Amino acid sequence: MLERLCYAQVMKKAKIPKYADLNQLAYAIVRAATDENPIEEPESTKNPAAVALGRLGGKKGGKARAESLTPEKRKEIAQKAAQARWENKK
């Protein structure tokens, strides 16, 4: 048991950032494997304030919508979703 704990603490997963181009990802992996240079995070083009606002809305959106729907409307939405799932299975 102690050996597993020690092994888990020593062997940490490498953090590989997302790349749009597969060649860039391959190049970053080779550089990391040969210890030429550490993996560099690609620059984020998102506005941090907009990301925070979107996260706030996303966290409460589904719950707020569920509270505002009537039971009849929820049932209608559920039936429509079930019908769409069954059509895709054919």
Protein backbone atom coordinates (compact mmCIF):
# COMPACT_ATOMS: atom_id res chain seq x y z
CA MET A 1 0.00 0.00 0.00
CA LEU A 2 2.80 2.39 0.91
CA GLU A 3 4.55 1.64 -2.38
CA ARG A 4 1.46 2.68 -4.32
CA LEU A 5 1.19 5.96 -2.45
CA CYS A 6 4.82 6.78 -3.12
CA TYR A 7 4.52 5.81 -6.78
CA ALA A 8 1.39 7.92 -7.23
CA GLN A 9 3.08 10.95 -5.71
CA VAL A 10 6.20 10.60 -7.85
CA MET A 11 4.50 9.84 -11.16
CA LYS A 12 2.54 12.98 -12.00
CA LYS A 13 0.70 13.33 -15.28
CA ALA A 14 2.28 15.60 -17.86
CA LYS A 15 0.18 18.62 -18.68
CA ILE A 16 -0.24 18.80 -22.44
CA PRO A 17 -2.06 21.90 -23.69
CA LYS A 18 -4.62 21.80 -26.50
CA TYR A 19 -3.34 22.75 -29.91
CA ALA A 20 -5.38 23.54 -33.00
CA ASP A 21 -2.81 21.90 -35.25
CA LEU A 22 -1.79 18.26 -34.79
CA ASN A 23 1.76 19.05 -35.94
CA GLN A 24 2.18 21.63 -33.18
CA LEU A 25 1.03 19.07 -30.61
CA ALA A 26 3.47 16.45 -31.94
CA TYR A 27 6.31 18.98 -31.86
CA ALA A 28 5.48 19.94 -28.25
CA ILE A 29 5.40 16.28 -27.19
CA VAL A 30 8.78 15.58 -28.79
CA ARG A 31 10.29 18.67 -27.15
CA ALA A 32 8.91 17.62 -23.76
CA ALA A 33 10.11 14.03 -24.17
CA THR A 34 13.65 15.11 -25.08
CA ASP A 35 13.72 17.80 -22.37
CA GLU A 36 14.66 20.48 -24.90
CA ASN A 37 12.15 23.00 -23.63
CA PRO A 38 9.18 22.68 -21.30
CA ILE A 39 5.71 22.68 -22.82
CA GLU A 40 4.44 26.22 -23.25
CA GLU A 41 0.76 27.00 -22.81
CA PRO A 42 -0.83 28.57 -25.89
CA GLU A 43 -2.05 32.09 -25.24
CA SER A 44 -5.73 32.36 -24.47
CA THR A 45 -7.63 34.75 -26.72
CA LYS A 46 -10.66 34.84 -24.43
CA ASN A 47 -11.55 37.82 -22.32
CA PRO A 48 -11.36 36.71 -18.64
CA ALA A 49 -14.28 38.96 -17.67
CA ALA A 50 -16.49 37.46 -20.38
CA VAL A 51 -15.49 33.94 -19.33
CA ALA A 52 -16.46 34.69 -15.72
CA LEU A 53 -19.84 36.12 -16.75
CA GLY A 54 -20.59 33.18 -19.01
CA ARG A 55 -19.73 30.75 -16.23
CA LEU A 56 -22.06 32.54 -13.82
CA GLY A 57 -24.94 32.37 -16.27
CA GLY A 58 -24.23 28.75 -17.11
CA LYS A 59 -24.18 27.70 -13.47
CA LYS A 60 -27.66 29.04 -12.76
CA GLY A 61 -29.26 28.82 -16.21
CA GLY A 62 -30.64 25.28 -16.13
CA LYS A 63 -31.92 25.52 -12.60
CA ALA A 64 -33.61 28.87 -13.23
CA ARG A 65 -35.23 27.54 -16.41
CA ALA A 66 -36.51 24.42 -14.62
CA GLU A 67 -38.07 26.56 -11.89
CA SER A 68 -39.80 28.83 -14.39
CA LEU A 69 -41.36 26.00 -16.47
CA THR A 70 -44.80 24.65 -15.70
CA PRO A 71 -45.17 20.87 -15.27
CA GLU A 72 -47.11 20.71 -18.55
CA LYS A 73 -44.37 22.53 -20.47
CA ARG A 74 -41.66 20.29 -18.92
CA LYS A 75 -43.65 17.21 -19.99
CA GLU A 76 -44.00 18.59 -23.52
CA ILE A 77 -40.25 19.24 -23.76
CA ALA A 78 -39.44 15.76 -22.42
CA GLN A 79 -41.78 14.09 -24.91
CA LYS A 80 -40.25 16.03 -27.79
CA ALA A 81 -36.73 15.01 -26.68
CA ALA A 82 -37.74 11.35 -26.35
CA GLN A 83 -39.29 11.43 -29.82
CA ALA A 84 -36.08 12.90 -31.27
CA ARG A 85 -34.00 10.17 -29.59
CA TRP A 86 -36.22 7.43 -30.99
CA GLU A 87 -36.06 8.88 -34.50
CA ASN A 88 -32.25 8.82 -34.39
CA LYS A 89 -32.22 5.10 -33.47
CA LYS A 90 -34.07 4.02 -36.62
